[in-house]
Amino acid sequence: PQIDWSQIDAVLLDMDGTLIDLHFDNILWNSHLPEVYAQANQMSVEDARTLLFAHMRDNARTIEFYCLDYWAKFTDLNIMQLHQNLAGLLRYRDGTENFLRWLQSHPSRTLMATNAHRDSLNFKASHLDLLDYFDGVISSHDYQQVKESQDFWHTLMAQQNIDPARALFIDDNESVLDAAAQFGIAHVLCVASPDSNREPRTDSAHPMLNALDELIEPSRTASNP
């Protein structure tokens, strides 16, 4: 995708799968949680996975789906301890740090807009020094509205005084991207490879990119004729 940076006043970035390699979350929720839940409840991992995944599907696109307090209560497990067990898997996606450093020299505001619970956000930020790059951080839990909803975007744009016609938003979740585009955000981009251990996606309703630093504007140096 080609971005005319002179037309961008605000850059809105998702966290998991956009800034941070989604491999951490995929292992946490798809493998580690079912294994620990199975052990705690004396059941097979397959049965634990079936039970947990069914509940996840039932709560998809709700604030509960993204709420660590909700899952701690439902599973009777220390969800933050599970995060800590896998801390060694936390890493930026390729190109993320280059892009964030470049944005610091750009006049646009850089904001994080994530569905992640604040506990998860703070845990990851403490391991990756993530927050140093941002002018503000918005979690859907602040509004009790997920990014898939129009209410989230109405609240965020009004609170942050952002003109959607001059905003860039990058995410890996197609439903979230659809909601942002429906609201009227002019530049909506999809991350093709949120998990470095999985094959990149091959289609999206939105322009796709791999590494964020693909968007860095080439330096313009004057040349004599």
Protein backbone atom coordinates (compact mmCIF):
# COMPACT_ATOMS: atom_id res chain seq x y z
CA PRO A 1 0.00 0.00 0.00
CA GLN A 2 1.09 3.56 -0.77
CA ILE A 3 0.33 6.17 1.88
CA ASP A 4 0.48 9.91 1.27
CA TRP A 5 1.81 10.85 4.69
CA SER A 6 0.98 14.51 4.18
CA GLN A 7 -2.66 13.43 4.46
CA ILE A 8 -2.26 11.58 7.78
CA ASP A 9 -2.79 13.27 11.15
CA ALA A 10 -3.32 10.15 13.28
CA VAL A 11 -1.93 6.61 13.06
CA LEU A 12 -3.97 3.99 14.92
CA LEU A 13 -2.28 0.64 15.51
CA ASP A 14 -3.62 -2.62 16.87
CA MET A 15 -1.32 -4.51 19.26
CA ASP A 16 -1.57 -8.32 18.98
CA GLY A 17 -0.85 -9.50 15.45
CA THR A 18 0.02 -5.99 14.26
CA LEU A 19 2.79 -4.79 16.55
CA ILE A 20 3.46 -8.02 18.46
CA ASP A 21 3.81 -11.45 16.91
CA LEU A 22 0.47 -13.24 17.36
CA HIS A 23 2.35 -16.50 17.97
CA PHE A 24 2.33 -15.67 21.70
CA ASP A 25 -1.46 -15.38 21.90
CA ASN A 26 -2.10 -18.34 19.64
CA ILE A 27 0.04 -20.58 21.86
CA LEU A 28 -1.44 -19.11 25.05
CA TRP A 29 -5.10 -19.53 24.17
CA ASN A 30 -5.05 -22.46 21.76
CA SER A 31 -2.50 -24.70 23.50
CA HIS A 32 -1.34 -23.62 26.95
CA LEU A 33 -4.73 -22.72 28.43
CA PRO A 34 -6.40 -26.02 27.36
CA GLU A 35 -3.45 -28.02 28.71
CA VAL A 36 -3.50 -26.30 32.12
CA TYR A 37 -7.31 -26.40 32.28
CA ALA A 38 -7.31 -30.13 31.47
CA GLN A 39 -4.80 -30.85 34.21
CA ALA A 40 -6.70 -28.75 36.75
CA ASN A 41 -9.99 -30.48 35.95
CA GLN A 42 -8.71 -34.02 35.37
CA MET A 43 -9.91 -34.22 31.81
CA SER A 44 -8.30 -34.79 28.43
CA VAL A 45 -6.73 -31.87 26.60
CA GLU A 46 -9.02 -32.60 23.66
CA ASP A 47 -12.12 -32.30 25.86
CA ALA A 48 -10.76 -29.14 27.49
CA ARG A 49 -10.08 -27.61 24.09
CA THR A 50 -13.59 -28.50 22.87
CA LEU A 51 -15.20 -26.93 25.94
CA LEU A 52 -13.08 -23.77 25.91
CA PHE A 53 -13.27 -23.18 22.17
CA ALA A 54 -17.06 -23.55 22.20
CA HIS A 55 -17.26 -20.91 24.91
CA MET A 56 -14.92 -18.65 22.98
CA ARG A 57 -17.14 -18.95 19.89
CA ASP A 58 -20.22 -18.14 21.99
CA ASN A 59 -18.55 -14.95 23.22
CA ALA A 60 -16.87 -13.84 20.00
CA ARG A 61 -17.04 -10.09 19.30
CA THR A 62 -18.05 -9.31 22.89
CA ILE A 63 -16.06 -7.53 25.58
CA GLU A 64 -16.04 -10.79 27.59
CA PHE A 65 -14.11 -12.53 24.81
CA TYR A 66 -11.20 -10.15 25.40
CA CYS A 67 -11.55 -9.86 29.20
CA LEU A 68 -8.92 -11.65 31.29
CA ASP A 69 -11.04 -11.27 34.43
CA TYR A 70 -13.88 -13.08 32.67
CA TRP A 71 -11.66 -15.99 31.62
CA ALA A 72 -10.03 -16.22 35.03
CA LYS A 73 -13.47 -16.58 36.59
CA PHE A 74 -14.72 -19.03 33.97
CA THR A 75 -11.66 -21.30 34.16
CA ASP A 76 -10.73 -20.69 37.81
CA LEU A 77 -7.14 -20.24 36.61
CA ASN A 78 -4.55 -17.51 37.07
CA ILE A 79 -4.56 -16.18 33.51
CA MET A 80 -1.72 -13.76 34.15
CA GLN A 81 0.45 -16.62 35.38
CA LEU A 82 -0.18 -18.35 32.06
CA HIS A 83 1.03 -15.18 30.35
CA GLN A 84 4.15 -15.21 32.49
CA ASN A 85 4.83 -18.86 31.64
CA LEU A 86 5.15 -17.92 27.98
CA ALA A 87 6.91 -14.56 28.32
CA GLY A 88 9.87 -15.88 26.33
CA LEU A 89 7.65 -16.02 23.23
CA LEU A 90 6.91 -12.29 23.24
CA ARG A 91 8.46 -10.43 20.35
CA TYR A 92 7.75 -7.62 17.93
CA ARG A 93 6.71 -8.51 14.42
CA ASP A 94 9.43 -7.92 11.83
CA GLY A 95 9.66 -4.25 10.91
CA THR A 96 7.59 -3.00 13.85
CA GLU A 97 10.34 -1.22 15.75
CA ASN A 98 11.69 0.42 12.59
CA PHE A 99 8.23 1.76 11.81
CA LEU A 100 7.55 2.97 15.35
CA ARG A 101 10.90 4.77 15.49
CA TRP A 102 10.16 6.41 12.14
CA LEU A 103 6.73 7.53 13.32
CA GLN A 104 8.36 9.41 16.19
CA SER A 105 9.84 11.79 13.62
CA HIS A 106 6.52 12.22 11.82
CA PRO A 107 4.11 14.98 12.90
CA SER A 108 1.11 12.63 13.10
CA ARG A 109 -0.08 11.31 16.46
CA THR A 110 0.58 7.62 17.10
CA LEU A 111 -2.13 5.84 19.08
CA MET A 112 -2.64 2.21 20.03
CA ALA A 113 -6.20 0.94 19.64
CA THR A 114 -6.54 -2.59 20.99
CA ASN A 115 -9.15 -5.03 22.22
CA ALA A 116 -6.60 -6.35 24.70
CA HIS A 117 -7.40 -6.21 28.41
CA ARG A 118 -5.28 -3.66 30.27
CA ASP A 119 -3.53 -6.40 32.28
CA SER A 120 -2.40 -8.14 29.11
CA LEU A 121 -1.45 -4.83 27.51
CA ASN A 122 0.66 -3.77 30.50
CA PHE A 123 2.31 -7.19 30.75
CA LYS A 124 3.37 -7.13 27.11
CA ALA A 125 4.40 -3.49 27.22
CA SER A 126 6.62 -4.14 30.25
CA HIS A 127 8.52 -6.83 28.34
CA LEU A 128 8.84 -4.91 25.06
CA ASP A 129 9.00 -1.22 26.16
CA LEU A 130 6.05 -0.75 23.84
CA LEU A 131 4.38 2.31 25.34
CA ASP A 132 7.37 4.59 24.80
CA TYR A 133 6.40 4.92 21.15
CA PHE A 134 2.80 6.06 21.67
CA ASP A 135 1.05 9.35 22.30
CA GLY A 136 -1.91 7.46 23.75
CA VAL A 137 -3.25 3.95 24.32
CA ILE A 138 -6.92 3.01 24.04
CA SER A 139 -8.28 -0.36 25.11
CA SER A 140 -11.80 -1.40 24.18
CA HIS A 141 -12.24 -2.12 27.89
CA ASP A 142 -11.96 1.62 28.55
CA TYR A 143 -15.24 2.06 26.65
CA GLN A 144 -16.76 -1.39 27.28
CA GLN A 145 -17.19 -1.56 23.52
CA VAL A 146 -15.18 -3.84 21.25
CA LYS A 147 -13.45 -2.54 18.12
CA GLU A 148 -15.89 -4.57 16.02
CA SER A 149 -18.64 -2.12 17.05
CA GLN A 150 -19.42 1.31 15.65
CA ASP A 151 -19.81 2.64 19.20
CA PHE A 152 -16.11 2.07 19.84
CA TRP A 153 -15.12 4.17 16.84
CA HIS A 154 -17.59 6.95 17.59
CA THR A 155 -16.24 7.21 21.15
CA LEU A 156 -12.58 7.02 20.18
CA MET A 157 -12.80 9.60 17.39
CA ALA A 158 -14.73 12.04 19.55
CA GLN A 159 -12.52 11.59 22.62
CA GLN A 160 -9.27 11.87 20.66
CA ASN A 161 -10.57 14.57 18.29
CA ILE A 162 -9.52 12.62 15.20
CA ASP A 163 -10.71 13.34 11.68
CA PRO A 164 -11.32 9.86 10.20
CA ALA A 165 -10.59 11.23 6.73
CA ARG A 166 -7.01 11.90 7.87
CA ALA A 167 -6.45 8.70 9.87
CA LEU A 168 -4.59 5.47 9.16
CA PHE A 169 -5.60 2.27 10.96
CA ILE A 170 -3.75 -1.05 10.81
CA ASP A 171 -5.06 -4.34 12.24
CA ASP A 172 -5.04 -8.08 11.53
CA ASN A 173 -8.71 -8.72 12.37
CA GLU A 174 -10.97 -8.56 9.33
CA SER A 175 -14.12 -7.81 11.36
CA VAL A 176 -12.38 -4.92 13.10
CA LEU A 177 -11.06 -3.57 9.81
CA ASP A 178 -14.56 -3.76 8.34
CA ALA A 179 -15.94 -1.77 11.28
CA ALA A 180 -13.25 0.89 10.96
CA ALA A 181 -13.85 1.23 7.23
CA GLN A 182 -17.62 1.37 7.77
CA PHE A 183 -17.12 4.19 10.26
CA GLY A 184 -15.23 6.15 7.63
CA ILE A 185 -11.55 5.82 8.46
CA ALA A 186 -9.95 6.68 5.14
CA HIS A 187 -6.90 4.42 5.27
CA VAL A 188 -7.47 0.88 6.57
CA LEU A 189 -4.74 -1.74 6.13
CA CYS A 190 -4.67 -5.45 6.91
CA VAL A 191 -1.65 -7.32 8.30
CA ALA A 192 -1.12 -10.39 6.14
CA SER A 193 1.18 -12.27 8.53
CA PRO A 194 0.17 -11.68 12.15
CA ASP A 195 1.68 -14.99 13.35
CA SER A 196 5.25 -15.61 12.14
CA ASN A 197 4.74 -19.37 12.54
CA ARG A 198 1.76 -19.51 10.17
CA GLU A 199 1.38 -18.90 6.48
CA PRO A 200 0.38 -15.34 5.53
CA ARG A 201 -3.21 -14.78 4.54
CA THR A 202 -3.78 -14.38 0.82
CA ASP A 203 -6.95 -12.30 0.68
CA SER A 204 -8.70 -9.45 2.45
CA ALA A 205 -11.29 -6.82 1.61
CA HIS A 206 -8.59 -4.28 2.54
CA PRO A 207 -5.10 -3.55 1.23
CA MET A 208 -2.58 -5.88 2.83
CA LEU A 209 1.01 -5.55 4.00
CA ASN A 210 3.49 -7.75 5.82
CA ALA A 211 6.08 -5.72 7.74
CA LEU A 212 4.97 -2.31 8.97
CA ASP A 213 8.19 -0.67 7.85
CA GLU A 214 7.04 -1.20 4.27
CA LEU A 215 5.08 2.02 4.88
CA ILE A 216 8.09 4.16 5.76
CA GLU A 217 8.24 7.09 3.39
CA PRO A 218 11.51 7.07 1.44
CA SER A 219 13.73 10.01 2.30
CA ARG A 220 13.52 12.75 -0.26
CA THR A 221 16.80 14.39 -1.06
CA ALA A 222 16.99 17.26 -3.48
CA SER A 223 19.00 16.56 -6.59
CA ASN A 224 20.49 19.02 -9.01
CA PRO A 225 19.39 18.79 -12.64
